[in-house]
């Protein structure tokens, strides 16, 4: 199991998760966007990771996204975990660094 973590601006959430989904050949939809918006609303990145919103991305490979709002507002902490190789890990790290 590998894990990549970082933060993104809240306004970039849809773009980031769509790109993550594309990298693992998962067809992201409006229903996925709605689930994220509803699930993230009451999260807090200062609380234990077990309380963060968790969302599966069933692709090749399967991923788990854990996302929570940072206390300062406007940013989200994100953890991407799964059985992915170092190339995909580097892509995820770059994506989180850019957004």
N, C-alpha and C. Protein backbone atom coordinates (compact mmCIF):
# COMPACT_ATOMS: atom_id res chain seq x y z
N UNK A 1 0.86 -1.18 0.00
CA UNK A 1 0.00 0.00 0.00
C UNK A 1 0.90 1.23 0.00
N UNK A 2 0.62 2.13 -0.90
CA UNK A 2 1.39 3.37 -1.04
C UNK A 2 0.45 4.53 -0.73
N UNK A 3 1.03 5.65 -0.29
CA UNK A 3 0.22 6.81 0.09
C UNK A 3 0.92 8.09 -0.35
N UNK A 4 0.14 9.00 -0.92
CA UNK A 4 0.61 10.32 -1.30
C UNK A 4 -0.31 11.33 -0.63
N UNK A 5 0.26 12.36 -0.02
CA UNK A 5 -0.59 13.34 0.65
C UNK A 5 -0.14 14.76 0.32
N UNK A 6 -1.07 15.68 0.47
CA UNK A 6 -0.79 17.08 0.23
C UNK A 6 -2.06 17.89 0.43
N UNK A 7 -2.06 19.07 -0.14
CA UNK A 7 -3.24 19.91 -0.01
C UNK A 7 -3.52 20.56 -1.36
N UNK A 8 -4.79 20.96 -1.53
CA UNK A 8 -5.21 21.63 -2.75
C UNK A 8 -6.13 22.79 -2.37
N UNK A 9 -6.26 23.74 -3.27
CA UNK A 9 -7.25 24.78 -3.06
C UNK A 9 -8.63 24.18 -3.28
N UNK A 10 -9.57 24.54 -2.43
CA UNK A 10 -10.92 23.98 -2.50
C UNK A 10 -11.55 24.18 -3.88
N UNK A 11 -11.28 25.33 -4.50
CA UNK A 11 -11.84 25.61 -5.82
C UNK A 11 -11.31 24.67 -6.90
N UNK A 12 -10.22 23.96 -6.63
CA UNK A 12 -9.63 23.07 -7.61
C UNK A 12 -10.03 21.61 -7.42
N UNK A 13 -10.89 21.34 -6.44
CA UNK A 13 -11.23 19.96 -6.10
C UNK A 13 -11.73 19.17 -7.30
N UNK A 14 -12.71 19.69 -8.02
CA UNK A 14 -13.29 18.94 -9.14
C UNK A 14 -12.23 18.61 -10.19
N UNK A 15 -11.40 19.57 -10.51
CA UNK A 15 -10.36 19.34 -11.52
C UNK A 15 -9.36 18.29 -11.04
N UNK A 16 -8.96 18.36 -9.80
CA UNK A 16 -7.97 17.42 -9.26
C UNK A 16 -8.51 15.99 -9.24
N UNK A 17 -9.71 15.81 -8.72
CA UNK A 17 -10.23 14.43 -8.62
C UNK A 17 -10.56 13.86 -10.00
N UNK A 18 -10.98 14.70 -10.94
CA UNK A 18 -11.21 14.21 -12.29
C UNK A 18 -9.90 13.74 -12.92
N UNK A 19 -8.82 14.46 -12.68
CA UNK A 19 -7.53 14.06 -13.22
C UNK A 19 -7.04 12.78 -12.54
N UNK A 20 -7.21 12.68 -11.24
CA UNK A 20 -6.84 11.45 -10.53
C UNK A 20 -7.60 10.27 -11.13
N UNK A 21 -8.90 10.44 -11.33
CA UNK A 21 -9.73 9.38 -11.90
C UNK A 21 -9.25 9.00 -13.30
N UNK A 22 -8.91 9.99 -14.10
CA UNK A 22 -8.43 9.72 -15.45
C UNK A 22 -7.15 8.88 -15.43
N UNK A 23 -6.26 9.18 -14.48
CA UNK A 23 -5.00 8.45 -14.40
C UNK A 23 -5.18 6.96 -14.10
N UNK A 24 -6.31 6.59 -13.46
CA UNK A 24 -6.57 5.18 -13.15
C UNK A 24 -7.74 4.63 -13.95
N UNK A 25 -8.12 5.35 -15.01
CA UNK A 25 -9.18 4.91 -15.94
C UNK A 25 -10.54 4.73 -15.27
N UNK A 26 -10.89 5.66 -14.41
CA UNK A 26 -12.20 5.68 -13.78
C UNK A 26 -13.00 6.83 -14.39
N UNK A 27 -14.23 6.57 -14.79
CA UNK A 27 -15.06 7.60 -15.40
C UNK A 27 -15.77 8.41 -14.32
N UNK A 28 -15.23 9.56 -14.01
CA UNK A 28 -15.76 10.46 -12.99
C UNK A 28 -17.05 11.07 -13.50
N UNK A 29 -18.05 11.23 -12.64
CA UNK A 29 -19.33 11.79 -13.07
C UNK A 29 -19.80 12.87 -12.11
N UNK A 30 -20.90 13.51 -12.47
CA UNK A 30 -21.51 14.51 -11.60
C UNK A 30 -21.94 13.92 -10.26
N UNK A 31 -22.32 12.65 -10.26
CA UNK A 31 -22.70 11.99 -9.00
C UNK A 31 -21.51 11.91 -8.05
N UNK A 32 -20.33 11.66 -8.61
CA UNK A 32 -19.12 11.64 -7.78
C UNK A 32 -18.86 13.04 -7.19
N UNK A 33 -19.02 14.08 -8.03
CA UNK A 33 -18.84 15.45 -7.54
C UNK A 33 -19.80 15.75 -6.39
N UNK A 34 -21.05 15.35 -6.54
CA UNK A 34 -22.05 15.58 -5.49
C UNK A 34 -21.70 14.87 -4.19
N UNK A 35 -21.22 13.64 -4.31
CA UNK A 35 -20.84 12.88 -3.11
C UNK A 35 -19.69 13.56 -2.39
N UNK A 36 -18.70 14.06 -3.15
CA UNK A 36 -17.57 14.75 -2.53
C UNK A 36 -18.03 16.01 -1.81
N UNK A 37 -18.83 16.82 -2.48
CA UNK A 37 -19.29 18.08 -1.87
C UNK A 37 -20.05 17.82 -0.59
N UNK A 38 -20.92 16.82 -0.60
CA UNK A 38 -21.71 16.51 0.60
C UNK A 38 -20.84 15.92 1.71
N UNK A 39 -19.91 15.07 1.35
CA UNK A 39 -19.09 14.39 2.35
C UNK A 39 -18.03 15.26 2.99
N UNK A 40 -17.51 16.21 2.25
CA UNK A 40 -16.42 17.04 2.75
C UNK A 40 -16.93 18.18 3.62
N UNK A 41 -18.17 18.54 3.47
CA UNK A 41 -18.73 19.74 4.12
C UNK A 41 -18.42 19.85 5.61
N UNK A 42 -18.50 18.76 6.35
CA UNK A 42 -18.35 18.85 7.81
C UNK A 42 -17.02 18.27 8.31
N UNK A 43 -16.04 18.13 7.44
CA UNK A 43 -14.76 17.55 7.86
C UNK A 43 -13.83 18.60 8.43
N UNK A 44 -12.79 18.13 9.12
CA UNK A 44 -11.80 19.02 9.70
C UNK A 44 -10.45 18.30 9.67
N UNK A 45 -9.49 18.86 8.96
CA UNK A 45 -8.18 18.22 8.81
C UNK A 45 -7.41 18.13 10.13
N UNK A 46 -7.81 18.88 11.14
CA UNK A 46 -7.14 18.81 12.44
C UNK A 46 -7.56 17.59 13.24
N UNK A 47 -8.64 16.94 12.83
CA UNK A 47 -9.11 15.74 13.52
C UNK A 47 -8.41 14.52 12.95
N UNK A 48 -8.44 13.37 13.65
CA UNK A 48 -7.77 12.16 13.15
C UNK A 48 -8.23 11.78 11.75
N UNK A 49 -7.31 11.17 11.00
CA UNK A 49 -7.60 10.78 9.62
C UNK A 49 -8.85 9.90 9.50
N UNK A 50 -9.13 9.13 10.51
CA UNK A 50 -10.30 8.26 10.48
C UNK A 50 -11.61 9.03 10.39
N UNK A 51 -11.59 10.32 10.68
CA UNK A 51 -12.80 11.13 10.62
C UNK A 51 -12.93 11.87 9.29
N UNK A 52 -11.90 11.82 8.45
CA UNK A 52 -11.94 12.49 7.16
C UNK A 52 -12.92 11.78 6.23
N UNK A 53 -13.39 12.50 5.23
CA UNK A 53 -14.26 11.89 4.22
C UNK A 53 -13.42 10.95 3.37
N UNK A 54 -13.91 9.73 3.20
CA UNK A 54 -13.19 8.74 2.40
C UNK A 54 -14.04 8.36 1.21
N UNK A 55 -13.41 8.32 0.04
CA UNK A 55 -14.13 8.03 -1.20
C UNK A 55 -13.31 7.07 -2.05
N UNK A 56 -13.92 5.94 -2.47
CA UNK A 56 -13.21 5.00 -3.32
C UNK A 56 -13.24 5.43 -4.79
N UNK A 57 -12.15 5.20 -5.46
CA UNK A 57 -12.08 5.40 -6.91
C UNK A 57 -11.70 4.03 -7.48
N UNK A 58 -12.69 3.38 -8.10
CA UNK A 58 -12.50 2.02 -8.58
C UNK A 58 -11.96 2.07 -10.00
N UNK A 59 -10.65 1.96 -10.07
CA UNK A 59 -9.98 2.04 -11.36
C UNK A 59 -8.88 1.00 -11.44
N UNK A 60 -7.86 1.29 -12.24
CA UNK A 60 -6.72 0.41 -12.39
C UNK A 60 -5.47 1.21 -12.07
N UNK A 61 -5.02 1.17 -10.84
CA UNK A 61 -5.49 0.43 -9.67
C UNK A 61 -6.60 1.16 -8.93
N UNK A 62 -7.22 0.46 -7.97
CA UNK A 62 -8.21 1.08 -7.09
C UNK A 62 -7.50 2.04 -6.14
N UNK A 63 -8.17 3.15 -5.86
CA UNK A 63 -7.64 4.15 -4.94
C UNK A 63 -8.65 4.46 -3.85
N UNK A 64 -8.16 4.97 -2.75
CA UNK A 64 -8.99 5.57 -1.71
C UNK A 64 -8.54 7.00 -1.55
N UNK A 65 -9.48 7.92 -1.65
CA UNK A 65 -9.20 9.34 -1.40
C UNK A 65 -9.72 9.67 -0.02
N UNK A 66 -8.90 10.32 0.78
CA UNK A 66 -9.33 10.86 2.07
C UNK A 66 -9.13 12.35 2.00
N UNK A 67 -10.21 13.09 2.30
CA UNK A 67 -10.18 14.54 2.13
C UNK A 67 -10.82 15.21 3.33
N UNK A 68 -10.23 16.33 3.76
CA UNK A 68 -10.79 17.11 4.87
C UNK A 68 -10.45 18.57 4.68
N UNK A 69 -11.33 19.42 5.18
CA UNK A 69 -11.11 20.87 5.13
C UNK A 69 -10.03 21.27 6.13
N UNK A 70 -9.16 22.16 5.69
CA UNK A 70 -8.20 22.73 6.61
C UNK A 70 -8.89 23.83 7.41
N UNK A 71 -8.46 24.03 8.64
CA UNK A 71 -9.13 24.96 9.55
C UNK A 71 -9.09 26.41 9.07
N UNK A 72 -8.10 26.77 8.26
CA UNK A 72 -8.02 28.15 7.78
C UNK A 72 -9.02 28.45 6.67
N UNK A 73 -9.58 27.43 6.07
CA UNK A 73 -10.55 27.62 5.00
C UNK A 73 -9.89 27.85 3.66
N UNK A 74 -10.59 27.42 2.63
CA UNK A 74 -10.11 27.61 1.28
C UNK A 74 -9.19 26.51 0.77
N UNK A 75 -8.70 25.66 1.68
CA UNK A 75 -7.84 24.56 1.25
C UNK A 75 -8.36 23.23 1.81
N UNK A 76 -7.98 22.17 1.14
CA UNK A 76 -8.35 20.82 1.55
C UNK A 76 -7.09 19.98 1.66
N UNK A 77 -7.02 19.17 2.69
CA UNK A 77 -5.95 18.18 2.79
C UNK A 77 -6.44 16.92 2.10
N UNK A 78 -5.53 16.25 1.38
CA UNK A 78 -5.92 15.06 0.63
C UNK A 78 -4.86 13.98 0.78
N UNK A 79 -5.33 12.76 0.93
CA UNK A 79 -4.46 11.58 0.96
C UNK A 79 -4.98 10.62 -0.11
N UNK A 80 -4.08 10.19 -0.97
CA UNK A 80 -4.41 9.22 -2.01
C UNK A 80 -3.67 7.94 -1.65
N UNK A 81 -4.40 6.85 -1.47
CA UNK A 81 -3.74 5.60 -1.11
C UNK A 81 -4.22 4.47 -2.02
N UNK A 82 -3.35 3.49 -2.19
CA UNK A 82 -3.67 2.34 -3.03
C UNK A 82 -2.42 1.59 -3.41
N UNK A 83 -2.58 0.59 -4.24
CA UNK A 83 -1.48 -0.23 -4.72
C UNK A 83 -1.00 0.32 -6.06
N UNK A 84 -0.35 1.48 -6.03
CA UNK A 84 0.13 2.10 -7.26
C UNK A 84 1.65 2.16 -7.27
N UNK A 85 2.20 2.26 -8.48
CA UNK A 85 3.65 2.26 -8.64
C UNK A 85 4.24 3.65 -8.42
N UNK A 86 5.56 3.72 -8.50
CA UNK A 86 6.24 4.99 -8.22
C UNK A 86 5.96 6.05 -9.29
N UNK A 87 5.71 5.62 -10.53
CA UNK A 87 5.39 6.58 -11.59
C UNK A 87 4.07 7.26 -11.30
N UNK A 88 3.06 6.47 -10.95
CA UNK A 88 1.76 7.04 -10.61
C UNK A 88 1.84 7.88 -9.34
N UNK A 89 2.63 7.44 -8.38
CA UNK A 89 2.82 8.23 -7.16
C UNK A 89 3.41 9.60 -7.49
N UNK A 90 4.38 9.63 -8.38
CA UNK A 90 4.99 10.91 -8.78
C UNK A 90 3.97 11.80 -9.48
N UNK A 91 3.10 11.22 -10.27
CA UNK A 91 2.05 12.01 -10.93
C UNK A 91 1.09 12.60 -9.91
N UNK A 92 0.70 11.80 -8.93
CA UNK A 92 -0.18 12.31 -7.88
C UNK A 92 0.50 13.42 -7.09
N UNK A 93 1.76 13.23 -6.74
CA UNK A 93 2.50 14.25 -5.99
C UNK A 93 2.58 15.56 -6.77
N UNK A 94 2.86 15.45 -8.05
CA UNK A 94 2.93 16.64 -8.90
C UNK A 94 1.59 17.33 -8.96
N UNK A 95 0.54 16.57 -9.12
CA UNK A 95 -0.81 17.13 -9.19
C UNK A 95 -1.15 17.89 -7.91
N UNK A 96 -0.85 17.31 -6.75
CA UNK A 96 -1.13 17.99 -5.49
C UNK A 96 -0.25 19.21 -5.31
N UNK A 97 0.97 19.15 -5.78
CA UNK A 97 1.87 20.30 -5.68
C UNK A 97 1.41 21.48 -6.54
N UNK A 98 0.77 21.19 -7.66
CA UNK A 98 0.36 22.23 -8.59
C UNK A 98 -0.98 22.88 -8.25
N UNK A 99 -1.78 22.22 -7.43
CA UNK A 99 -3.12 22.73 -7.19
C UNK A 99 -3.31 23.09 -5.73
